[in-house]
Every structure is written in structure tokens, then in C-alpha cells.
Amino acid sequence: MLPEERFNALVEEFAASPGVSIPGEPGRRGFGSSALKVNGSIFAMISGGKLVLKLPHARVAALIGTGAGTPFDAGKGRPMKEWLTVTADDKESWLALAREALDFVGSAHR
């Protein structure tokens, strides 16, 4: 399955979740318009054909340490601390990590 197809499966999975905005909704343009958002903040997106998620810094470091991801650089020359490019290439990993990202970004305790 192509990354875009797997991302579309995530969109379908989270479409009915409270506070979640999906790509393609009316009025969404520019940066983040093709991302999954919760309460207006991005928690998952495709960049360069890879899934990118927002997670706690310690979790990002742990996943990089296990080889499940790499640092995400938004083209500014340095990695973003709370963003992970997922290297795991299976549907279950994508779904589990995307749920973590939704919970993290949607949490009022960040």
C-alpha cells in the first residue's frame, strides 16, 4: 500500500473523532490543508511520502532510538523536537502512533 493510501486510511479512521478536521474540508488552504488536525492543530501529515506525527519530545527520542522513526526537519536545517518521521511501514504501527499523536495534540495538558 502506498503511503498516501495508508494516510487516507488514517483520515477515514479519525474522521468522526471529536475535534478532528480532515484534509479536503471546505475553507482549508495553505500549510496544513492536507493534514489531520485536532482542535485546529496538526497531529499527522504526509511529507515527502512519509508519515509525520507530533508526539512528546521524549517519545520522539525513544522512537528514533528504536529505529521506528527519524527526526523531522521542515526544511529549516534542524530537526523539530516534537515531530517524528515514521519509518515503520505497516498499517498497525501507523495507526497506533497516529492515535498517540491525536491524544498528545488533543490533550489540554501539553
PDB file of N, CA and C in Angstrom:
ATOM      1  N   MET A   1       0.851  -1.189   0.000  1.00  0.00           N
ATOM      2  CA  MET A   1       0.000   0.000   0.000  1.00  0.00           C
ATOM      3  C   MET A   1       0.891   1.244   0.000  1.00  0.00           C
ATOM      4  N   LEU A   2       0.579   2.186  -0.838  1.00  0.00           N
ATOM      5  CA  LEU A   2       1.333   3.440  -0.925  1.00  0.00           C
ATOM      6  C   LEU A   2       1.097   4.302   0.321  1.00  0.00           C
ATOM      7  N   PRO A   3       2.093   5.131   0.687  1.00  0.00           N
ATOM      8  CA  PRO A   3       1.923   5.986   1.869  1.00  0.00           C
ATOM      9  C   PRO A   3       0.672   6.853   1.812  1.00  0.00           C
ATOM     10  N   GLU A   4       0.359   7.395   0.652  1.00  0.00           N
ATOM     11  CA  GLU A   4      -0.828   8.240   0.530  1.00  0.00           C
ATOM     12  C   GLU A   4      -2.101   7.446   0.785  1.00  0.00           C
ATOM     13  N   GLU A   5      -2.122   6.186   0.329  1.00  0.00           N
ATOM     14  CA  GLU A   5      -3.283   5.321   0.575  1.00  0.00           C
ATOM     15  C   GLU A   5      -3.394   4.990   2.058  1.00  0.00           C
ATOM     16  N   ARG A   6      -2.260   4.716   2.684  1.00  0.00           N
ATOM     17  CA  ARG A   6      -2.268   4.414   4.123  1.00  0.00           C
ATOM     18  C   ARG A   6      -2.694   5.656   4.913  1.00  0.00           C
ATOM     19  N   PHE A   7      -2.254   6.844   4.485  1.00  0.00           N
ATOM     20  CA  PHE A   7      -2.676   8.076   5.158  1.00  0.00           C
ATOM     21  C   PHE A   7      -4.179   8.283   4.997  1.00  0.00           C
ATOM     22  N   ASN A   8      -4.695   8.008   3.809  1.00  0.00           N
ATOM     23  CA  ASN A   8      -6.142   8.122   3.587  1.00  0.00           C
ATOM     24  C   ASN A   8      -6.916   7.191   4.514  1.00  0.00           C
ATOM     25  N   ALA A   9      -6.348   6.020   4.820  1.00  0.00           N
ATOM     26  CA  ALA A   9      -6.982   5.103   5.772  1.00  0.00           C
ATOM     27  C   ALA A   9      -7.005   5.737   7.166  1.00  0.00           C
ATOM     28  N   LEU A  10      -5.933   6.469   7.528  1.00  0.00           N
ATOM     29  CA  LEU A  10      -5.927   7.178   8.814  1.00  0.00           C
ATOM     30  C   LEU A  10      -6.990   8.271   8.826  1.00  0.00           C
ATOM     31  N   VAL A  11      -7.120   8.976   7.717  1.00  0.00           N
ATOM     32  CA  VAL A  11      -8.145  10.023   7.607  1.00  0.00           C
ATOM     33  C   VAL A  11      -9.523   9.414   7.871  1.00  0.00           C
ATOM     34  N   GLU A  12      -9.801   8.281   7.243  1.00  0.00           N
ATOM     35  CA  GLU A  12     -11.095   7.614   7.449  1.00  0.00           C
ATOM     36  C   GLU A  12     -11.262   7.183   8.902  1.00  0.00           C
ATOM     37  N   GLU A  13     -10.190   6.692   9.506  1.00  0.00           N
ATOM     38  CA  GLU A  13     -10.230   6.221  10.892  1.00  0.00           C
ATOM     39  C   GLU A  13     -10.585   7.356  11.861  1.00  0.00           C
ATOM     40  N   PHE A  14     -10.010   8.532  11.637  1.00  0.00           N
ATOM     41  CA  PHE A  14     -10.163   9.635  12.587  1.00  0.00           C
ATOM     42  C   PHE A  14     -11.232  10.654  12.206  1.00  0.00           C
ATOM     43  N   ALA A  15     -11.853  10.503  11.062  1.00  0.00           N
ATOM     44  CA  ALA A  15     -12.808  11.500  10.553  1.00  0.00           C
ATOM     45  C   ALA A  15     -13.941  11.805  11.535  1.00  0.00           C
ATOM     46  N   ALA A  16     -14.407  10.814  12.251  1.00  0.00           N
ATOM     47  CA  ALA A  16     -15.534  11.011  13.164  1.00  0.00           C
ATOM     48  C   ALA A  16     -15.101  11.341  14.593  1.00  0.00           C
ATOM     49  N   SER A  17     -13.795  11.448  14.829  1.00  0.00           N
ATOM     50  CA  SER A  17     -13.301  11.748  16.176  1.00  0.00           C
ATOM     51  C   SER A  17     -13.612  13.192  16.553  1.00  0.00           C
ATOM     52  N   PRO A  18     -13.980  13.434  17.804  1.00  0.00           N
ATOM     53  CA  PRO A  18     -14.311  14.791  18.245  1.00  0.00           C
ATOM     54  C   PRO A  18     -13.143  15.759  18.023  1.00  0.00           C
ATOM     55  N   GLY A  19     -13.433  16.911  17.421  1.00  0.00           N
ATOM     56  CA  GLY A  19     -12.440  17.952  17.228  1.00  0.00           C
ATOM     57  C   GLY A  19     -11.506  17.765  16.046  1.00  0.00           C
ATOM     58  N   VAL A  20     -11.626  16.640  15.342  1.00  0.00           N
ATOM     59  CA  VAL A  20     -10.705  16.344  14.242  1.00  0.00           C
ATOM     60  C   VAL A  20     -11.197  16.961  12.937  1.00  0.00           C
ATOM     61  N   SER A  21     -10.266  17.625  12.247  1.00  0.00           N
ATOM     62  CA  SER A  21     -10.504  18.166  10.910  1.00  0.00           C
ATOM     63  C   SER A  21      -9.714  17.317   9.934  1.00  0.00           C
ATOM     64  N   ILE A  22     -10.325  16.999   8.819  1.00  0.00           N
ATOM     65  CA  ILE A  22      -9.658  16.146   7.831  1.00  0.00           C
ATOM     66  C   ILE A  22      -9.295  16.959   6.589  1.00  0.00           C
ATOM     67  N   PRO A  23      -8.311  16.477   5.827  1.00  0.00           N
ATOM     68  CA  PRO A  23      -7.963  17.171   4.585  1.00  0.00           C
ATOM     69  C   PRO A  23      -9.166  17.243   3.653  1.00  0.00           C
ATOM     70  N   GLY A  24      -9.221  18.326   2.907  1.00  0.00           N
ATOM     71  CA  GLY A  24     -10.289  18.481   1.930  1.00  0.00           C
ATOM     72  C   GLY A  24     -11.541  19.150   2.445  1.00  0.00           C
ATOM     73  N   GLU A  25     -11.551  19.516   3.726  1.00  0.00           N
ATOM     74  CA  GLU A  25     -12.727  20.206   4.255  1.00  0.00           C
ATOM     75  C   GLU A  25     -12.786  21.617   3.680  1.00  0.00           C
ATOM     76  N   PRO A  26     -13.978  22.121   3.428  1.00  0.00           N
ATOM     77  CA  PRO A  26     -14.118  23.470   2.859  1.00  0.00           C
ATOM     78  C   PRO A  26     -13.406  24.524   3.711  1.00  0.00           C
ATOM     79  N   GLY A  27     -12.775  25.468   3.029  1.00  0.00           N
ATOM     80  CA  GLY A  27     -12.122  26.569   3.720  1.00  0.00           C
ATOM     81  C   GLY A  27     -10.700  26.286   4.159  1.00  0.00           C
ATOM     82  N   ARG A  28     -10.199  25.087   3.931  1.00  0.00           N
ATOM     83  CA  ARG A  28      -8.833  24.756   4.329  1.00  0.00           C
ATOM     84  C   ARG A  28      -7.911  24.957   3.135  1.00  0.00           C
ATOM     85  N   ARG A  29      -6.937  25.843   3.288  1.00  0.00           N
ATOM     86  CA  ARG A  29      -5.964  26.126   2.228  1.00  0.00           C
ATOM     87  C   ARG A  29      -4.605  26.359   2.865  1.00  0.00           C
ATOM     88  N   GLY A  30      -3.558  26.249   2.064  1.00  0.00           N
ATOM     89  CA  GLY A  30      -2.215  26.562   2.529  1.00  0.00           C
ATOM     90  C   GLY A  30      -1.631  25.476   3.396  1.00  0.00           C
ATOM     91  N   PHE A  31      -0.607  25.848   4.206  1.00  0.00           N
ATOM     92  CA  PHE A  31       0.089  24.877   5.043  1.00  0.00           C
ATOM     93  C   PHE A  31      -0.892  24.180   5.967  1.00  0.00           C
ATOM     94  N   GLY A  32      -0.797  22.874   6.027  1.00  0.00           N
ATOM     95  CA  GLY A  32      -1.654  22.088   6.893  1.00  0.00           C
ATOM     96  C   GLY A  32      -2.983  21.711   6.298  1.00  0.00           C
ATOM     97  N   SER A  33      -3.273  22.186   5.095  1.00  0.00           N
ATOM     98  CA  SER A  33      -4.573  21.888   4.496  1.00  0.00           C
ATOM     99  C   SER A  33      -4.715  20.415   4.136  1.00  0.00           C
ATOM    100  N   SER A  34      -3.594  19.706   4.013  1.00  0.00           N
ATOM    101  CA  SER A  34      -3.664  18.276   3.701  1.00  0.00           C
ATOM    102  C   SER A  34      -3.301  17.424   4.913  1.00  0.00           C
ATOM    103  N   ALA A  35      -3.378  18.007   6.093  1.00  0.00           N
ATOM    104  CA  ALA A  35      -3.015  17.316   7.330  1.00  0.00           C
ATOM    105  C   ALA A  35      -4.248  16.974   8.155  1.00  0.00           C
ATOM    106  N   LEU A  36      -4.073  16.031   9.066  1.00  0.00           N
ATOM    107  CA  LEU A  36      -5.087  15.761  10.075  1.00  0.00           C
ATOM    108  C   LEU A  36      -4.833  16.720  11.233  1.00  0.00           C
ATOM    109  N   LYS A  37      -5.907  17.361  11.710  1.00  0.00           N
ATOM    110  CA  LYS A  37      -5.794  18.311  12.814  1.00  0.00           C
ATOM    111  C   LYS A  37      -6.786  17.951  13.903  1.00  0.00           C
ATOM    112  N   VAL A  38      -6.440  18.313  15.120  1.00  0.00           N
ATOM    113  CA  VAL A  38      -7.386  18.213  16.221  1.00  0.00           C
ATOM    114  C   VAL A  38      -7.415  19.574  16.900  1.00  0.00           C
ATOM    115  N   ASN A  39      -8.613  20.108  17.059  1.00  0.00           N
ATOM    116  CA  ASN A  39      -8.806  21.435  17.648  1.00  0.00           C
ATOM    117  C   ASN A  39      -7.924  22.480  16.957  1.00  0.00           C
ATOM    118  N   GLY A  40      -7.754  22.338  15.644  1.00  0.00           N
ATOM    119  CA  GLY A  40      -7.006  23.308  14.854  1.00  0.00           C
ATOM    120  C   GLY A  40      -5.506  23.098  14.783  1.00  0.00           C
ATOM    121  N   SER A  41      -4.978  22.085  15.484  1.00  0.00           N
ATOM    122  CA  SER A  41      -3.537  21.824  15.487  1.00  0.00           C
ATOM    123  C   SER A  41      -3.224  20.521  14.763  1.00  0.00           C
ATOM    124  N   ILE A  42      -2.184  20.543  13.949  1.00  0.00           N
ATOM    125  CA  ILE A  42      -1.789  19.359  13.185  1.00  0.00           C
ATOM    126  C   ILE A  42      -1.261  18.278  14.117  1.00  0.00           C
ATOM    127  N   PHE A  43      -1.726  17.044  13.893  1.00  0.00           N
ATOM    128  CA  PHE A  43      -1.155  15.915  14.611  1.00  0.00           C
ATOM    129  C   PHE A  43      -0.585  14.860  13.673  1.00  0.00           C
ATOM    130  N   ALA A  44      -0.981  14.868  12.397  1.00  0.00           N
ATOM    131  CA  ALA A  44      -0.464  13.896  11.428  1.00  0.00           C
ATOM    132  C   ALA A  44      -0.519  14.490  10.031  1.00  0.00           C
ATOM    133  N   MET A  45       0.530  14.199   9.242  1.00  0.00           N
ATOM    134  CA  MET A  45       0.563  14.669   7.857  1.00  0.00           C
ATOM    135  C   MET A  45       1.518  13.799   7.055  1.00  0.00           C
ATOM    136  N   ILE A  46       1.412  13.909   5.760  1.00  0.00           N
ATOM    137  CA  ILE A  46       2.352  13.251   4.855  1.00  0.00           C
ATOM    138  C   ILE A  46       3.320  14.320   4.362  1.00  0.00           C
ATOM    139  N   SER A  47       4.606  14.015   4.432  1.00  0.00           N
ATOM    140  CA  SER A  47       5.632  14.922   3.918  1.00  0.00           C
ATOM    141  C   SER A  47       6.696  14.073   3.237  1.00  0.00           C
ATOM    142  N   GLY A  48       6.928  14.352   1.984  1.00  0.00           N
ATOM    143  CA  GLY A  48       7.925  13.588   1.242  1.00  0.00           C
ATOM    144  C   GLY A  48       7.596  12.109   1.140  1.00  0.00           C
ATOM    145  N   GLY A  49       6.303  11.794   1.110  1.00  0.00           N
ATOM    146  CA  GLY A  49       5.875  10.409   1.016  1.00  0.00           C
ATOM    147  C   GLY A  49       5.994   9.630   2.315  1.00  0.00           C
ATOM    148  N   LYS A  50       6.217  10.324   3.429  1.00  0.00           N
ATOM    149  CA  LYS A  50       6.356   9.683   4.744  1.00  0.00           C
ATOM    150  C   LYS A  50       5.339  10.263   5.714  1.00  0.00           C
ATOM    151  N   LEU A  51       4.907   9.435   6.658  1.00  0.00           N
ATOM    152  CA  LEU A  51       4.019   9.900   7.717  1.00  0.00           C
ATOM    153  C   LEU A  51       4.829  10.695   8.728  1.00  0.00           C
ATOM    154  N   VAL A  52       4.325  11.862   9.097  1.00  0.00           N
ATOM    155  CA  VAL A  52       4.957  12.720  10.092  1.00  0.00           C
ATOM    156  C   VAL A  52       3.936  12.973  11.196  1.00  0.00           C
ATOM    157  N   LEU A  53       4.364  12.781  12.445  1.00  0.00           N
ATOM    158  CA  LEU A  53       3.472  12.902  13.595  1.00  0.00           C
ATOM    159  C   LEU A  53       4.050  13.821  14.653  1.00  0.00           C
ATOM    160  N   LYS A  54       3.170  14.468  15.397  1.00  0.00           N
ATOM    161  CA  LYS A  54       3.585  15.292  16.535  1.00  0.00           C
ATOM    162  C   LYS A  54       3.374  14.475  17.806  1.00  0.00           C
ATOM    163  N   LEU A  55       4.464  14.279  18.531  1.00  0.00           N
ATOM    164  CA  LEU A  55       4.464  13.478  19.759  1.00  0.00           C
ATOM    165  C   LEU A  55       5.337  14.176  20.805  1.00  0.00           C
ATOM    166  N   PRO A  56       5.223  13.758  22.067  1.00  0.00           N
ATOM    167  CA  PRO A  56       6.096  14.358  23.084  1.00  0.00           C
ATOM    168  C   PRO A  56       7.574  14.130  22.731  1.00  0.00           C
ATOM    169  N   HIS A  57       8.406  15.103  23.074  1.00  0.00           N
ATOM    170  CA  HIS A  57       9.831  15.043  22.741  1.00  0.00           C
ATOM    171  C   HIS A  57      10.478  13.732  23.194  1.00  0.00           C
ATOM    172  N   ALA A  58      10.192  13.300  24.427  1.00  0.00           N
ATOM    173  CA  ALA A  58      10.795  12.057  24.939  1.00  0.00           C
ATOM    174  C   ALA A  58      10.348  10.851  24.119  1.00  0.00           C
ATOM    175  N   ARG A  59       9.109  10.844  23.686  1.00  0.00           N
ATOM    176  CA  ARG A  59       8.599   9.736  22.867  1.00  0.00           C
ATOM    177  C   ARG A  59       9.260   9.735  21.490  1.00  0.00           C
ATOM    178  N   VAL A  60       9.430  10.922  20.914  1.00  0.00           N
ATOM    179  CA  VAL A  60      10.122  11.041  19.624  1.00  0.00           C
ATOM    180  C   VAL A  60      11.534  10.479  19.757  1.00  0.00           C
ATOM    181  N   ALA A  61      12.248  10.884  20.805  1.00  0.00           N
ATOM    182  CA  ALA A  61      13.617  10.399  21.019  1.00  0.00           C
ATOM    183  C   ALA A  61      13.643   8.880  21.176  1.00  0.00           C
ATOM    184  N   ALA A  62      12.676   8.334  21.913  1.00  0.00           N
ATOM    185  CA  ALA A  62      12.629   6.884  22.109  1.00  0.00           C
ATOM    186  C   ALA A  62      12.375   6.154  20.794  1.00  0.00           C
ATOM    187  N   LEU A  63      11.459   6.658  19.986  1.00  0.00           N
ATOM    188  CA  LEU A  63      11.150   6.014  18.700  1.00  0.00           C
ATOM    189  C   LEU A  63      12.323   6.119  17.727  1.00  0.00           C
ATOM    190  N   ILE A  64      13.038   7.219  17.771  1.00  0.00           N
ATOM    191  CA  ILE A  64      14.240   7.349  16.945  1.00  0.00           C
ATOM    192  C   ILE A  64      15.271   6.327  17.414  1.00  0.00           C
ATOM    193  N   GLY A  65      15.392   6.162  18.716  1.00  0.00           N
ATOM    194  CA  GLY A  65      16.330   5.203  19.291  1.00  0.00           C
ATOM    195  C   GLY A  65      16.064   3.756  18.908  1.00  0.00           C
ATOM    196  N   THR A  66      14.792   3.426  18.710  1.00  0.00           N
ATOM    197  CA  THR A  66      14.444   2.049  18.340  1.00  0.00           C
ATOM    198  C   THR A  66      14.448   1.844  16.828  1.00  0.00           C
ATOM    199  N   GLY A  67      14.621   2.932  16.083  1.00  0.00           N
ATOM    200  CA  GLY A  67      14.622   2.820  14.624  1.00  0.00           C
ATOM    201  C   GLY A  67      13.237   2.914  14.006  1.00  0.00           C
ATOM    202  N   ALA A  68      12.215   3.227  14.806  1.00  0.00           N
ATOM    203  CA  ALA A  68      10.847   3.324  14.288  1.00  0.00           C
ATOM    204  C   ALA A  68      10.590   4.662  13.597  1.00  0.00           C
ATOM    205  N   GLY A  69      11.549   5.583  13.707  1.00  0.00           N
ATOM    206  CA  GLY A  69      11.374   6.883  13.088  1.00  0.00           C
ATOM    207  C   GLY A  69      12.677   7.642  13.005  1.00  0.00           C
ATOM    208  N   THR A  70      12.618   8.774  12.326  1.00  0.00           N
ATOM    209  CA  THR A  70      13.758   9.668  12.198  1.00  0.00           C
ATOM    210  C   THR A  70      13.291  11.079  12.528  1.00  0.00           C
ATOM    211  N   PRO A  71      14.232  11.967  12.865  1.00  0.00           N
ATOM    212  CA  PRO A  71      13.831  13.346  13.143  1.00  0.00           C
ATOM    213  C   PRO A  71      13.185  13.974  11.914  1.00  0.00           C
ATOM    214  N   PHE A  72      12.220  14.851  12.147  1.00  0.00           N
ATOM    215  CA  PHE A  72      11.580  15.581  11.060  1.00  0.00           C
ATOM    216  C   PHE A  72      12.182  16.971  10.980  1.00  0.00           C
ATOM    217  N   ASP A  73      12.633  17.331   9.782  1.00  0.00           N
ATOM    218  CA  ASP A  73      13.172  18.661   9.509  1.00  0.00           C
ATOM    219  C   ASP A  73      12.247  19.305   8.488  1.00  0.00           C
ATOM    220  N   ALA A  74      11.656  20.406   8.850  1.00  0.00           N
ATOM    221  CA  ALA A  74      10.707  21.087   7.969  1.00  0.00           C
ATOM    222  C   ALA A  74      11.420  21.969   6.950  1.00  0.00           C
ATOM    223  N   GLY A  75      12.685  21.661   6.651  1.00  0.00           N
ATOM    224  CA  GLY A  75      13.434  22.419   5.668  1.00  0.00           C
ATOM    225  C   GLY A  75      14.151  23.617   6.255  1.00  0.00           C
ATOM    226  N   LYS A  76      14.250  23.669   7.571  1.00  0.00           N
ATOM    227  CA  LYS A  76      14.902  24.803   8.231  1.00  0.00           C
ATOM    228  C   LYS A  76      16.310  24.466   8.707  1.00  0.00           C
ATOM    229  N   GLY A  77      16.772  23.245   8.387  1.00  0.00           N
ATOM    230  CA  GLY A  77      18.132  22.871   8.727  1.00  0.00           C
ATOM    231  C   GLY A  77      18.318  22.255  10.098  1.00  0.00           C
ATOM    232  N   ARG A  78      17.247  22.125  10.858  1.00  0.00           N
ATOM    233  CA  ARG A  78      17.360  21.462  12.157  1.00  0.00           C
ATOM    234  C   ARG A  78      16.075  20.707  12.454  1.00  0.00           C
ATOM    235  N   PRO A  79      16.224  19.565  13.130  1.00  0.00           N
ATOM    236  CA  PRO A  79      15.031  18.761  13.426  1.00  0.00           C
ATOM    237  C   PRO A  79      14.114  19.459  14.420  1.00  0.00           C
ATOM    238  N   MET A  80      12.843  19.171  14.267  1.00  0.00           N
ATOM    239  CA  MET A  80      11.841  19.711  15.181  1.00  0.00           C
ATOM    240  C   MET A  80      11.647  18.699  16.313  1.00  0.00           C
ATOM    241  N   LYS A  81      11.777  19.142  17.563  1.00  0.00           N
ATOM    242  CA  LYS A  81      11.829  18.256  18.728  1.00  0.00           C
ATOM    243  C   LYS A  81      10.607  17.367  18.908  1.00  0.00           C
ATOM    244  N   GLU A  82       9.437  17.864  18.603  1.00  0.00           N
ATOM    245  CA  GLU A  82       8.217  17.096  18.847  1.00  0.00           C
ATOM    246  C   GLU A  82       7.635  16.481  17.578  1.00  0.00           C
ATOM    247  N   TRP A  83       8.431  16.353  16.532  1.00  0.00           N
ATOM    248  CA  TRP A  83       7.934  15.805  15.276  1.00  0.00           C
ATOM    249  C   TRP A  83       8.783  14.621  14.851  1.00  0.00           C
ATOM    250  N   LEU A  84       8.113  13.562  14.410  1.00  0.00           N
ATOM    251  CA  LEU A  84       8.764  12.313  14.016  1.00  0.00           C
ATOM    252  C   LEU A  84       8.353  11.931  12.606  1.00  0.00           C
ATOM    253  N   THR A  85       9.334  11.569  11.795  1.00  0.00           N
ATOM    254  CA  THR A  85       9.052  10.950  10.504  1.00  0.00           C
ATOM    255  C   THR A  85       9.047   9.450  10.747  1.00  0.00           C
ATOM    256  N   VAL A  86       7.914   8.815  10.531  1.00  0.00           N
ATOM    257  CA  VAL A  86       7.755   7.388  10.823  1.00  0.00           C
ATOM    258  C   VAL A  86       8.441   6.559   9.743  1.00  0.00           C
ATOM    259  N   THR A  87       9.298   5.623  10.168  1.00  0.00           N
ATOM    260  CA  THR A  87       9.952   4.723   9.219  1.00  0.00           C
ATOM    261  C   THR A  87       9.283   3.360   9.205  1.00  0.00           C
ATOM    262  N   ALA A  88       8.529   3.043  10.252  1.00  0.00           N
ATOM    263  CA  ALA A  88       7.778   1.785  10.273  1.00  0.00           C
ATOM    264  C   ALA A  88       6.821   1.800   9.090  1.00  0.00           C
ATOM    265  N   ASP A  89       6.733   0.688   8.399  1.00  0.00           N
ATOM    266  CA  ASP A  89       5.959   0.679   7.153  1.00  0.00           C
ATOM    267  C   ASP A  89       4.780  -0.287   7.216  1.00  0.00           C
ATOM    268  N   ASP A  90       4.136  -0.345   8.364  1.00  0.00           N
ATOM    269  CA  ASP A  90       2.978  -1.228   8.459  1.00  0.00           C
ATOM    270  C   ASP A  90       1.789  -0.462   9.014  1.00  0.00           C
ATOM    271  N   LYS A  91       0.629  -0.899   8.598  1.00  0.00           N
ATOM    272  CA  LYS A  91      -0.622  -0.214   8.944  1.00  0.00           C
ATOM    273  C   LYS A  91      -0.818  -0.109  10.458  1.00  0.00           C
ATOM    274  N   GLU A  92      -0.482  -1.172  11.189  1.00  0.00           N
ATOM    275  CA  GLU A  92      -0.704  -1.196  12.635  1.00  0.00           C
ATOM    276  C   GLU A  92       0.154  -0.144  13.339  1.00  0.00           C
ATOM    277  N   SER A  93       1.420  -0.028  12.947  1.00  0.00           N
ATOM    278  CA  SER A  93       2.296   0.979  13.558  1.00  0.00           C
ATOM    279  C   SER A  93       1.793   2.383  13.268  1.00  0.00           C
ATOM    280  N   TRP A  94       1.407   2.624  12.025  1.00  0.00           N
ATOM    281  CA  TRP A  94       0.903   3.945  11.665  1.00  0.00           C
ATOM    282  C   TRP A  94      -0.315   4.302  12.505  1.00  0.00           C
ATOM    283  N   LEU A  95      -1.242   3.379  12.635  1.00  0.00           N
ATOM    284  CA  LEU A  95      -2.477   3.646  13.373  1.00  0.00           C
ATOM    285  C   LEU A  95      -2.188   3.881  14.851  1.00  0.00           C
ATOM    286  N   ALA A  96      -1.376   3.036  15.454  1.00  0.00           N
ATOM    287  CA  ALA A  96      -1.067   3.178  16.878  1.00  0.00           C
ATOM    288  C   ALA A  96      -0.354   4.501  17.160  1.00  0.00           C
ATOM    289  N   LEU A  97       0.623   4.841  16.332  1.00  0.00           N
ATOM    290  CA  LEU A  97       1.359   6.093  16.540  1.00  0.00           C
ATOM    291  C   LEU A  97       0.481   7.309  16.253  1.00  0.00           C
ATOM    292  N   ALA A  98      -0.377   7.219  15.260  1.00  0.00           N
ATOM    293  CA  ALA A  98      -1.286   8.334  14.969  1.00  0.00           C
ATOM    294  C   ALA A  98      -2.267   8.542  16.115  1.00  0.00           C
ATOM    295  N   ARG A  99      -2.703   7.457  16.760  1.00  0.00           N
ATOM    296  CA  ARG A  99      -3.578   7.601  17.938  1.00  0.00           C
ATOM    297  C   ARG A  99      -2.839   8.316  19.065  1.00  0.00           C
ATOM    298  N   GLU A 100      -1.562   7.955  19.257  1.00  0.00           N
ATOM    299  CA  GLU A 100      -0.756   8.644  20.271  1.00  0.00           C
ATOM    300  C   GLU A 100      -0.663  10.134  19.954  1.00  0.00           C
ATOM    301  N   ALA A 101      -0.428  10.451  18.684  1.00  0.00           N
ATOM    302  CA  ALA A 101      -0.306  11.848  18.277  1.00  0.00           C
ATOM    303  C   ALA A 101      -1.617  12.601  18.497  1.00  0.00           C
ATOM    304  N   LEU A 102      -2.733  11.981  18.149  1.00  0.00           N
ATOM    305  CA  LEU A 102      -4.038  12.599  18.380  1.00  0.00           C
ATOM    306  C   LEU A 102      -4.235  12.876  19.869  1.00  0.00           C
ATOM    307  N   ASP A 103      -3.941  11.893  20.704  1.00  0.00           N
ATOM    308  CA  ASP A 103      -4.095  12.069  22.149  1.00  0.00           C
ATOM    309  C   ASP A 103      -3.180  13.182  22.676  1.00  0.00           C
ATOM    310  N   PHE A 104      -1.941  13.210  22.184  1.00  0.00           N
ATOM    311  CA  PHE A 104      -0.978  14.218  22.642  1.00  0.00           C
ATOM    312  C   PHE A 104      -1.421  15.627  22.237  1.00  0.00           C
ATOM    313  N   VAL A 105      -1.709  15.817  20.972  1.00  0.00           N
ATOM    314  CA  VAL A 105      -2.066  17.146  20.489  1.00  0.00           C
ATOM    315  C   VAL A 105      -3.430  17.571  21.015  1.00  0.00           C
ATOM    316  N   GLY A 106      -4.341  16.619  21.159  1.00  0.00           N
ATOM    317  CA  GLY A 106      -5.680  16.942  21.634  1.00  0.00           C
ATOM    318  C   GLY A 106      -5.763  17.152  23.143  1.00  0.00           C
ATOM    319  N   SER A 107      -4.687  16.792  23.840  1.00  0.00           N
ATOM    320  CA  SER A 107      -4.676  16.906  25.292  1.00  0.00           C
ATOM    321  C   SER A 107      -4.556  18.366  25.738  1.00  0.00           C
ATOM    322  N   ALA A 108      -5.283  18.707  26.744  1.00  0.00           N
ATOM    323  CA  ALA A 108      -5.211  20.073  27.289  1.00  0.00           C
ATOM    324  C   ALA A 108      -4.001  20.239  28.195  1.00  0.00           C
ATOM    325  N   HIS A 109      -3.277  19.150  28.455  1.00  0.00           N
ATOM    326  CA  HIS A 109      -2.161  19.177  29.420  1.00  0.00           C
ATOM    327  C   HIS A 109      -0.797  19.298  28.754  1.00  0.00           C
ATOM    328  N   ARG A 110      -0.743  19.702  27.486  1.00  0.00           N
ATOM    329  CA  ARG A 110       0.556  19.819  26.813  1.00  0.00           C
ATOM    330  C   ARG A 110       1.283  20.952  27.380  1.00  0.00           C
TER     331      ARG A 110
END
